[in-house]
Amino acid sequence: MRYSPDGSKLGVGSHDNDIYIYDVAGGYNLLGKLKAHNSYITNFDWSADGSYIRSNCGAYELLFFKLDGMCQDASGRTNTTGTIWATETAKFSWNVEGIFPGATDGTHINGVSGSKDGQVIACGDDYGLVQLFRNPARKGAIPRSFRGHSEHVVRVGFASDD
């Protein structure tokens, strides 16, 4: 679940493969559904202006949706190259391609978070590590790794002051 940057809408990712968009001021009335994923929603980010959502699912898809019309933008990867994202939680996108250890699949990284200043990407993994990467983390990126958990780190996040 995540509120839009202006707080006017609430997005809810579901195990039925859809993202539900609700109008906050209207008593949480359903505005529409974003439908196109082939598996359950794992995370999504609002654009800073609230016009787009990018989302990942259990099938490792990265899809883009326009809120105007509640529809998928099949060219979203191209159409959003200059977009500023209000949050950075997508674990499958161009700027985090380097966070995956060799010989692993998409399940080994559990949570991703970008710092508010846009300089750092944090991720938590199945090995009990919290890793910090420079943004963007392209293939071959070398993280600073921190161990403190005995196993799976399922979510990561930054404090309000990074």
N, C-alpha and C. Protein backbone atom coordinates (compact mmCIF):
# COMPACT_ATOMS: atom_id res chain seq x y z
N MET A 1 0.86 -1.18 0.00
CA MET A 1 0.00 0.00 0.00
C MET A 1 0.89 1.23 0.00
N ARG A 2 0.48 2.23 -0.72
CA ARG A 2 1.26 3.46 -0.74
C ARG A 2 0.36 4.61 -1.19
N TYR A 3 0.46 5.72 -0.47
CA TYR A 3 -0.27 6.93 -0.85
C TYR A 3 0.46 7.65 -1.96
N SER A 4 -0.30 8.35 -2.80
CA SER A 4 0.29 9.19 -3.84
C SER A 4 1.06 10.32 -3.15
N PRO A 5 2.01 10.93 -3.84
CA PRO A 5 2.81 11.99 -3.23
C PRO A 5 1.99 13.14 -2.64
N ASP A 6 0.85 13.47 -3.26
CA ASP A 6 0.03 14.56 -2.73
C ASP A 6 -0.99 14.07 -1.70
N GLY A 7 -1.02 12.76 -1.44
CA GLY A 7 -1.92 12.21 -0.44
C GLY A 7 -3.36 12.05 -0.87
N SER A 8 -3.66 12.31 -2.13
CA SER A 8 -5.04 12.26 -2.59
C SER A 8 -5.53 10.87 -2.98
N LYS A 9 -4.60 9.97 -3.24
CA LYS A 9 -4.96 8.61 -3.66
C LYS A 9 -4.19 7.59 -2.85
N LEU A 10 -4.76 6.40 -2.74
CA LEU A 10 -4.11 5.27 -2.11
C LEU A 10 -4.05 4.14 -3.12
N GLY A 11 -2.86 3.61 -3.35
CA GLY A 11 -2.70 2.44 -4.20
C GLY A 11 -2.51 1.21 -3.33
N VAL A 12 -3.15 0.11 -3.72
CA VAL A 12 -3.05 -1.13 -2.97
C VAL A 12 -2.72 -2.25 -3.97
N GLY A 13 -1.53 -2.82 -3.84
CA GLY A 13 -1.15 -3.96 -4.67
C GLY A 13 -1.73 -5.23 -4.08
N SER A 14 -2.20 -6.12 -4.94
CA SER A 14 -2.95 -7.28 -4.46
C SER A 14 -2.38 -8.59 -5.00
N HIS A 15 -2.76 -9.68 -4.33
CA HIS A 15 -2.38 -11.01 -4.80
C HIS A 15 -3.21 -11.46 -5.99
N ASP A 16 -4.22 -10.66 -6.39
CA ASP A 16 -4.98 -11.00 -7.58
C ASP A 16 -4.38 -10.36 -8.83
N ASN A 17 -3.14 -9.85 -8.71
CA ASN A 17 -2.33 -9.30 -9.82
C ASN A 17 -2.69 -7.87 -10.19
N ASP A 18 -3.58 -7.23 -9.47
CA ASP A 18 -4.01 -5.87 -9.79
C ASP A 18 -3.55 -4.87 -8.73
N ILE A 19 -3.52 -3.60 -9.13
CA ILE A 19 -3.29 -2.50 -8.19
C ILE A 19 -4.58 -1.69 -8.16
N TYR A 20 -5.13 -1.54 -6.97
CA TYR A 20 -6.38 -0.82 -6.78
C TYR A 20 -6.06 0.62 -6.38
N ILE A 21 -6.72 1.57 -7.00
CA ILE A 21 -6.50 2.99 -6.72
C ILE A 21 -7.77 3.56 -6.09
N TYR A 22 -7.60 4.15 -4.90
CA TYR A 22 -8.72 4.71 -4.14
C TYR A 22 -8.58 6.22 -3.99
N ASP A 23 -9.71 6.90 -3.98
CA ASP A 23 -9.79 8.34 -3.76
C ASP A 23 -9.88 8.58 -2.25
N VAL A 24 -8.86 9.20 -1.67
CA VAL A 24 -8.81 9.41 -0.22
C VAL A 24 -9.91 10.37 0.23
N ALA A 25 -10.02 11.52 -0.43
CA ALA A 25 -11.00 12.54 -0.02
C ALA A 25 -12.43 12.05 -0.20
N GLY A 26 -12.65 11.14 -1.11
CA GLY A 26 -13.99 10.64 -1.38
C GLY A 26 -14.37 9.46 -0.51
N GLY A 27 -13.71 9.31 0.64
CA GLY A 27 -14.05 8.22 1.55
C GLY A 27 -13.47 6.88 1.10
N TYR A 28 -12.35 6.93 0.41
CA TYR A 28 -11.68 5.72 -0.09
C TYR A 28 -12.55 4.95 -1.08
N ASN A 29 -13.20 5.70 -1.96
CA ASN A 29 -13.96 5.07 -3.05
C ASN A 29 -12.98 4.59 -4.11
N LEU A 30 -13.27 3.44 -4.69
CA LEU A 30 -12.43 2.87 -5.73
C LEU A 30 -12.51 3.72 -7.00
N LEU A 31 -11.34 4.20 -7.46
CA LEU A 31 -11.27 4.96 -8.71
C LEU A 31 -11.04 4.04 -9.90
N GLY A 32 -10.31 2.96 -9.68
CA GLY A 32 -10.03 2.04 -10.77
C GLY A 32 -9.00 1.01 -10.39
N LYS A 33 -8.77 0.09 -11.33
CA LYS A 33 -7.79 -0.98 -11.15
C LYS A 33 -6.76 -0.89 -12.27
N LEU A 34 -5.51 -1.13 -11.91
CA LEU A 34 -4.44 -1.22 -12.88
C LEU A 34 -4.21 -2.71 -13.13
N LYS A 35 -4.54 -3.16 -14.34
CA LYS A 35 -4.51 -4.58 -14.66
C LYS A 35 -3.55 -4.83 -15.81
N ALA A 36 -2.61 -5.74 -15.63
CA ALA A 36 -1.75 -6.21 -16.71
C ALA A 36 -0.71 -7.21 -16.21
N HIS A 37 -0.48 -7.25 -14.91
CA HIS A 37 0.53 -8.16 -14.37
C HIS A 37 0.08 -9.61 -14.47
N ASN A 38 1.06 -10.50 -14.56
CA ASN A 38 0.81 -11.93 -14.65
C ASN A 38 1.02 -12.66 -13.33
N SER A 39 1.30 -11.91 -12.28
CA SER A 39 1.49 -12.49 -10.96
C SER A 39 1.17 -11.43 -9.91
N TYR A 40 1.26 -11.83 -8.65
CA TYR A 40 0.94 -10.94 -7.53
C TYR A 40 1.88 -9.74 -7.49
N ILE A 41 1.37 -8.61 -7.01
CA ILE A 41 2.14 -7.37 -6.94
C ILE A 41 3.11 -7.44 -5.76
N THR A 42 4.37 -7.16 -6.02
CA THR A 42 5.37 -7.17 -4.95
C THR A 42 5.70 -5.76 -4.46
N ASN A 43 5.66 -4.79 -5.34
CA ASN A 43 5.92 -3.40 -4.95
C ASN A 43 5.52 -2.47 -6.10
N PHE A 44 5.35 -1.20 -5.76
CA PHE A 44 5.10 -0.20 -6.79
C PHE A 44 5.53 1.17 -6.28
N ASP A 45 5.82 2.04 -7.22
CA ASP A 45 6.23 3.41 -6.92
C ASP A 45 5.35 4.38 -7.69
N TRP A 46 5.00 5.49 -7.03
CA TRP A 46 4.31 6.60 -7.70
C TRP A 46 5.36 7.53 -8.29
N SER A 47 5.05 8.14 -9.42
CA SER A 47 5.89 9.23 -9.91
C SER A 47 5.67 10.43 -8.97
N ALA A 48 6.63 11.32 -8.92
CA ALA A 48 6.55 12.46 -8.01
C ALA A 48 5.32 13.33 -8.30
N ASP A 49 4.90 13.40 -9.56
CA ASP A 49 3.73 14.20 -9.90
C ASP A 49 2.42 13.41 -9.82
N GLY A 50 2.51 12.12 -9.47
CA GLY A 50 1.31 11.29 -9.31
C GLY A 50 0.67 10.83 -10.61
N SER A 51 1.32 11.03 -11.75
CA SER A 51 0.71 10.67 -13.02
C SER A 51 1.01 9.23 -13.46
N TYR A 52 2.02 8.62 -12.89
CA TYR A 52 2.43 7.27 -13.27
C TYR A 52 2.63 6.40 -12.05
N ILE A 53 2.49 5.10 -12.25
CA ILE A 53 2.91 4.08 -11.30
C ILE A 53 3.76 3.09 -12.08
N ARG A 54 4.91 2.70 -11.47
CA ARG A 54 5.68 1.58 -12.01
C ARG A 54 5.60 0.48 -10.97
N SER A 55 5.52 -0.76 -11.44
CA SER A 55 5.29 -1.86 -10.51
C SER A 55 6.03 -3.12 -10.91
N ASN A 56 6.31 -3.94 -9.91
CA ASN A 56 6.91 -5.26 -10.10
C ASN A 56 5.93 -6.29 -9.57
N CYS A 57 6.09 -7.52 -10.07
CA CYS A 57 5.23 -8.61 -9.61
C CYS A 57 6.06 -9.86 -9.40
N GLY A 58 5.40 -10.91 -8.95
CA GLY A 58 6.07 -12.18 -8.69
C GLY A 58 6.62 -12.84 -9.93
N ALA A 59 6.23 -12.40 -11.12
CA ALA A 59 6.76 -12.91 -12.38
C ALA A 59 7.94 -12.07 -12.87
N TYR A 60 8.44 -11.16 -12.01
CA TYR A 60 9.60 -10.29 -12.30
C TYR A 60 9.33 -9.28 -13.41
N GLU A 61 8.08 -8.92 -13.60
CA GLU A 61 7.73 -7.91 -14.60
C GLU A 61 7.93 -6.51 -14.04
N LEU A 62 8.33 -5.60 -14.89
CA LEU A 62 8.34 -4.16 -14.61
C LEU A 62 7.35 -3.55 -15.57
N LEU A 63 6.22 -3.06 -15.03
CA LEU A 63 5.19 -2.45 -15.87
C LEU A 63 4.95 -1.02 -15.43
N PHE A 64 4.42 -0.22 -16.35
CA PHE A 64 4.13 1.19 -16.12
C PHE A 64 2.67 1.45 -16.42
N PHE A 65 2.04 2.28 -15.58
CA PHE A 65 0.63 2.60 -15.73
C PHE A 65 0.44 4.11 -15.67
N LYS A 66 -0.43 4.61 -16.54
CA LYS A 66 -0.85 6.01 -16.49
C LYS A 66 -2.07 6.09 -15.59
N LEU A 67 -2.06 7.02 -14.64
CA LEU A 67 -3.21 7.17 -13.76
C LEU A 67 -4.36 7.86 -14.48
N ASP A 68 -4.04 8.69 -15.45
CA ASP A 68 -5.07 9.29 -16.29
C ASP A 68 -5.57 8.21 -17.23
N GLY A 69 -6.72 7.65 -16.97
CA GLY A 69 -7.25 6.56 -17.77
C GLY A 69 -7.05 5.19 -17.15
N MET A 70 -6.26 5.11 -16.08
CA MET A 70 -6.02 3.85 -15.37
C MET A 70 -5.63 2.73 -16.33
N CYS A 71 -4.61 2.98 -17.15
CA CYS A 71 -4.24 1.99 -18.15
C CYS A 71 -2.73 1.78 -18.18
N GLN A 72 -2.35 0.61 -18.69
CA GLN A 72 -0.94 0.31 -18.84
C GLN A 72 -0.36 1.14 -19.96
N ASP A 73 0.88 1.60 -19.77
CA ASP A 73 1.62 2.27 -20.83
C ASP A 73 2.68 1.28 -21.30
N ALA A 74 2.40 0.60 -22.42
CA ALA A 74 3.32 -0.41 -22.93
C ALA A 74 4.68 0.17 -23.29
N SER A 75 4.74 1.46 -23.53
CA SER A 75 6.02 2.15 -23.82
C SER A 75 6.51 2.92 -22.60
N GLY A 76 6.04 2.53 -21.43
CA GLY A 76 6.37 3.24 -20.20
C GLY A 76 7.85 3.33 -19.90
N ARG A 77 8.61 2.30 -20.22
CA ARG A 77 10.05 2.34 -19.96
C ARG A 77 10.68 3.50 -20.73
N THR A 78 10.24 3.74 -21.93
CA THR A 78 10.74 4.85 -22.74
C THR A 78 10.09 6.16 -22.33
N ASN A 79 8.79 6.14 -22.11
CA ASN A 79 8.05 7.36 -21.81
C ASN A 79 8.36 7.95 -20.44
N THR A 80 8.99 7.18 -19.56
CA THR A 80 9.27 7.68 -18.21
C THR A 80 10.76 7.87 -17.93
N THR A 81 11.58 7.94 -18.97
CA THR A 81 13.03 8.06 -18.73
C THR A 81 13.39 9.31 -17.94
N GLY A 82 12.67 10.38 -18.08
CA GLY A 82 12.95 11.60 -17.33
C GLY A 82 12.11 11.77 -16.08
N THR A 83 11.36 10.74 -15.73
CA THR A 83 10.43 10.82 -14.60
C THR A 83 11.18 10.76 -13.27
N ILE A 84 10.76 11.60 -12.36
CA ILE A 84 11.25 11.54 -10.98
C ILE A 84 10.25 10.71 -10.20
N TRP A 85 10.75 9.68 -9.50
CA TRP A 85 9.89 8.79 -8.75
C TRP A 85 9.86 9.21 -7.29
N ALA A 86 8.69 9.23 -6.71
CA ALA A 86 8.53 9.65 -5.31
C ALA A 86 9.20 8.66 -4.37
N THR A 87 9.20 7.39 -4.76
CA THR A 87 9.90 6.35 -3.99
C THR A 87 10.69 5.50 -4.96
N GLU A 88 11.63 4.74 -4.43
CA GLU A 88 12.48 3.85 -5.25
C GLU A 88 12.45 2.47 -4.61
N THR A 89 11.40 1.69 -4.87
CA THR A 89 11.31 0.36 -4.30
C THR A 89 11.31 -0.75 -5.35
N ALA A 90 11.36 -0.40 -6.62
CA ALA A 90 11.34 -1.40 -7.68
C ALA A 90 12.65 -2.18 -7.68
N LYS A 91 12.56 -3.50 -7.56
CA LYS A 91 13.78 -4.29 -7.60
C LYS A 91 14.09 -4.79 -9.00
N PHE A 92 13.20 -4.52 -9.94
CA PHE A 92 13.47 -4.80 -11.35
C PHE A 92 13.26 -3.51 -12.12
N SER A 93 14.33 -2.77 -12.35
CA SER A 93 14.31 -1.57 -13.18
C SER A 93 15.74 -1.30 -13.60
N TRP A 94 15.93 -0.37 -14.52
CA TRP A 94 17.27 -0.18 -15.10
C TRP A 94 18.30 0.25 -14.08
N ASN A 95 17.92 1.02 -13.07
CA ASN A 95 18.91 1.56 -12.14
C ASN A 95 19.32 0.58 -11.04
N VAL A 96 18.72 -0.59 -10.98
CA VAL A 96 19.10 -1.58 -9.96
C VAL A 96 19.53 -2.92 -10.56
N GLU A 97 19.88 -2.94 -11.82
CA GLU A 97 20.28 -4.19 -12.46
C GLU A 97 21.51 -4.81 -11.80
N GLY A 98 22.32 -4.02 -11.13
CA GLY A 98 23.54 -4.54 -10.52
C GLY A 98 23.40 -5.01 -9.08
N ILE A 99 22.19 -5.06 -8.54
CA ILE A 99 22.04 -5.46 -7.13
C ILE A 99 21.97 -6.96 -6.94
N PHE A 100 21.81 -7.71 -8.01
CA PHE A 100 21.64 -9.16 -7.89
C PHE A 100 22.99 -9.87 -7.94
N PRO A 101 23.28 -10.70 -6.91
CA PRO A 101 24.51 -11.48 -6.93
C PRO A 101 24.51 -12.46 -8.10
N GLY A 102 25.70 -12.83 -8.59
CA GLY A 102 25.79 -13.79 -9.68
C GLY A 102 25.14 -15.11 -9.33
N ALA A 103 24.62 -15.80 -10.33
CA ALA A 103 24.02 -17.12 -10.20
C ALA A 103 22.82 -17.14 -9.24
N THR A 104 22.09 -16.03 -9.14
CA THR A 104 20.87 -16.00 -8.34
C THR A 104 19.72 -15.54 -9.22
N ASP A 105 18.52 -15.77 -8.75
CA ASP A 105 17.36 -15.28 -9.47
C ASP A 105 16.76 -14.09 -8.71
N GLY A 106 15.63 -13.63 -9.13
CA GLY A 106 15.02 -12.44 -8.54
C GLY A 106 14.50 -12.60 -7.13
N THR A 107 14.48 -13.83 -6.61
CA THR A 107 13.95 -14.04 -5.27
C THR A 107 14.96 -13.76 -4.17
N HIS A 108 16.22 -13.63 -4.49
CA HIS A 108 17.25 -13.45 -3.46
C HIS A 108 17.28 -12.05 -2.88
N ILE A 109 16.84 -11.07 -3.64
CA ILE A 109 16.72 -9.70 -3.15
C ILE A 109 15.27 -9.51 -2.73
N ASN A 110 15.06 -9.14 -1.46
CA ASN A 110 13.71 -9.06 -0.91
C ASN A 110 13.14 -7.65 -0.85
N GLY A 111 13.98 -6.68 -0.58
CA GLY A 111 13.51 -5.31 -0.45
C GLY A 111 14.51 -4.34 -0.99
N VAL A 112 14.02 -3.27 -1.59
CA VAL A 112 14.86 -2.22 -2.17
C VAL A 112 14.31 -0.87 -1.72
N SER A 113 15.20 0.06 -1.44
CA SER A 113 14.78 1.41 -1.10
C SER A 113 15.84 2.39 -1.57
N GLY A 114 15.41 3.45 -2.21
CA GLY A 114 16.31 4.52 -2.61
C GLY A 114 16.29 5.63 -1.59
N SER A 115 17.46 6.22 -1.35
CA SER A 115 17.53 7.35 -0.41
C SER A 115 16.78 8.53 -1.00
N LYS A 116 16.34 9.42 -0.14
CA LYS A 116 15.56 10.57 -0.59
C LYS A 116 16.38 11.52 -1.46
N ASP A 117 17.70 11.56 -1.22
CA ASP A 117 18.55 12.42 -2.05
C ASP A 117 18.93 11.76 -3.37
N GLY A 118 18.51 10.50 -3.58
CA GLY A 118 18.73 9.80 -4.84
C GLY A 118 20.13 9.27 -5.05
N GLN A 119 20.98 9.33 -4.05
CA GLN A 119 22.38 8.93 -4.22
C GLN A 119 22.64 7.47 -3.90
N VAL A 120 21.82 6.85 -3.05
CA VAL A 120 22.10 5.51 -2.53
C VAL A 120 20.89 4.60 -2.71
N ILE A 121 21.17 3.34 -3.01
CA ILE A 121 20.15 2.30 -3.06
C ILE A 121 20.50 1.28 -1.99
N ALA A 122 19.55 0.95 -1.14
CA ALA A 122 19.74 -0.10 -0.13
C ALA A 122 18.92 -1.31 -0.55
N CYS A 123 19.45 -2.49 -0.25
CA CYS A 123 18.67 -3.69 -0.49
C CYS A 123 18.91 -4.70 0.62
N GLY A 124 17.91 -5.50 0.88
CA GLY A 124 18.00 -6.58 1.86
C GLY A 124 17.85 -7.89 1.13
N ASP A 125 18.60 -8.92 1.57
CA ASP A 125 18.60 -10.17 0.81
C ASP A 125 18.38 -11.40 1.69
N ASP A 126 18.38 -12.55 1.06
CA ASP A 126 18.16 -13.82 1.74
C ASP A 126 19.34 -14.25 2.61
N TYR A 127 20.47 -13.60 2.47
CA TYR A 127 21.68 -14.00 3.19
C TYR A 127 21.89 -13.21 4.48
N GLY A 128 20.91 -12.38 4.85
CA GLY A 128 21.01 -11.59 6.07
C GLY A 128 21.80 -10.31 5.89
N LEU A 129 22.02 -9.90 4.66
CA LEU A 129 22.80 -8.70 4.39
C LEU A 129 21.91 -7.51 4.07
N VAL A 130 22.36 -6.34 4.50
CA VAL A 130 21.86 -5.07 4.00
C VAL A 130 23.01 -4.52 3.18
N GLN A 131 22.74 -4.20 1.93
CA GLN A 131 23.78 -3.72 1.04
C GLN A 131 23.44 -2.33 0.53
N LEU A 132 24.45 -1.49 0.44
CA LEU A 132 24.29 -0.13 -0.06
C LEU A 132 25.06 0.01 -1.37
N PHE A 133 24.38 0.54 -2.37
CA PHE A 133 24.95 0.77 -3.69
C PHE A 133 24.84 2.24 -4.04
N ARG A 134 25.76 2.72 -4.85
CA ARG A 134 25.57 4.04 -5.47
C ARG A 134 24.46 3.91 -6.51
N ASN A 135 23.68 4.96 -6.65
CA ASN A 135 22.60 4.98 -7.62
C ASN A 135 23.07 5.68 -8.89
N PRO A 136 22.98 5.06 -10.05
CA PRO A 136 22.39 3.77 -10.35
C PRO A 136 23.37 2.62 -10.06
N ALA A 137 22.80 1.47 -9.73
CA ALA A 137 23.59 0.26 -9.48
C ALA A 137 23.52 -0.59 -10.75
N ARG A 138 24.41 -0.33 -11.66
CA ARG A 138 24.44 -1.06 -12.93
C ARG A 138 25.21 -2.37 -12.76
N LYS A 139 25.15 -3.24 -13.73
CA LYS A 139 25.84 -4.53 -13.65
C LYS A 139 27.30 -4.31 -13.30
N GLY A 140 27.80 -5.11 -12.37
CA GLY A 140 29.18 -4.99 -11.90
C GLY A 140 29.36 -4.05 -10.72
N ALA A 141 28.29 -3.43 -10.27
CA ALA A 141 28.37 -2.51 -9.12
C ALA A 141 28.83 -3.27 -7.88
N ILE A 142 29.66 -2.63 -7.09
CA ILE A 142 30.17 -3.25 -5.87
C ILE A 142 29.55 -2.53 -4.67
N PRO A 143 28.83 -3.29 -3.82
CA PRO A 143 28.15 -2.66 -2.68
C PRO A 143 29.03 -2.60 -1.43
N ARG A 144 28.60 -1.83 -0.48
CA ARG A 144 29.08 -1.95 0.90
C ARG A 144 28.07 -2.86 1.57
N SER A 145 28.54 -3.94 2.16
CA SER A 145 27.66 -4.96 2.74
C SER A 145 27.76 -4.95 4.26
N PHE A 146 26.61 -5.10 4.90
CA PHE A 146 26.53 -5.08 6.35
C PHE A 146 25.74 -6.29 6.83
N ARG A 147 26.34 -7.07 7.73
CA ARG A 147 25.68 -8.24 8.27
C ARG A 147 25.23 -7.94 9.70
N GLY A 148 24.04 -8.31 10.04
CA GLY A 148 23.52 -8.11 11.38
C GLY A 148 22.31 -9.00 11.62
N HIS A 149 21.76 -9.51 10.54
CA HIS A 149 20.59 -10.38 10.62
C HIS A 149 21.04 -11.82 10.41
N SER A 150 20.37 -12.75 11.04
CA SER A 150 20.75 -14.15 10.89
C SER A 150 20.32 -14.72 9.53
N GLU A 151 19.28 -14.18 8.97
CA GLU A 151 18.84 -14.59 7.64
C GLU A 151 17.96 -13.52 7.04
N HIS A 152 17.06 -13.86 6.18
CA HIS A 152 16.27 -12.98 5.32
C HIS A 152 16.01 -11.57 5.86
N VAL A 153 16.48 -10.58 5.13
CA VAL A 153 16.11 -9.18 5.38
C VAL A 153 15.01 -8.89 4.37
N VAL A 154 13.78 -8.70 4.85
CA VAL A 154 12.64 -8.62 3.95
C VAL A 154 12.30 -7.21 3.48
N ARG A 155 12.68 -6.19 4.24
CA ARG A 155 12.42 -4.80 3.85
C ARG A 155 13.57 -3.93 4.31
N VAL A 156 13.80 -2.87 3.57
CA VAL A 156 14.78 -1.86 3.96
C VAL A 156 14.16 -0.49 3.74
N GLY A 157 14.69 0.52 4.41
CA GLY A 157 14.18 1.87 4.25
C GLY A 157 15.14 2.85 4.86
N PHE A 158 15.00 4.10 4.50
CA PHE A 158 15.84 5.17 5.01
C PHE A 158 15.03 6.02 5.98
N ALA A 159 15.71 6.57 6.97
CA ALA A 159 15.08 7.53 7.87
C ALA A 159 14.77 8.81 7.07
N SER A 160 13.97 9.68 7.62
CA SER A 160 13.56 10.89 6.90
C SER A 160 14.74 11.78 6.52
N ASP A 161 15.84 11.69 7.24
CA ASP A 161 17.03 12.49 6.91
C ASP A 161 18.10 11.67 6.17
N ASP A 162 17.70 10.53 5.62
CA ASP A 162 18.59 9.60 4.91
C ASP A 162 19.60 8.97 5.83
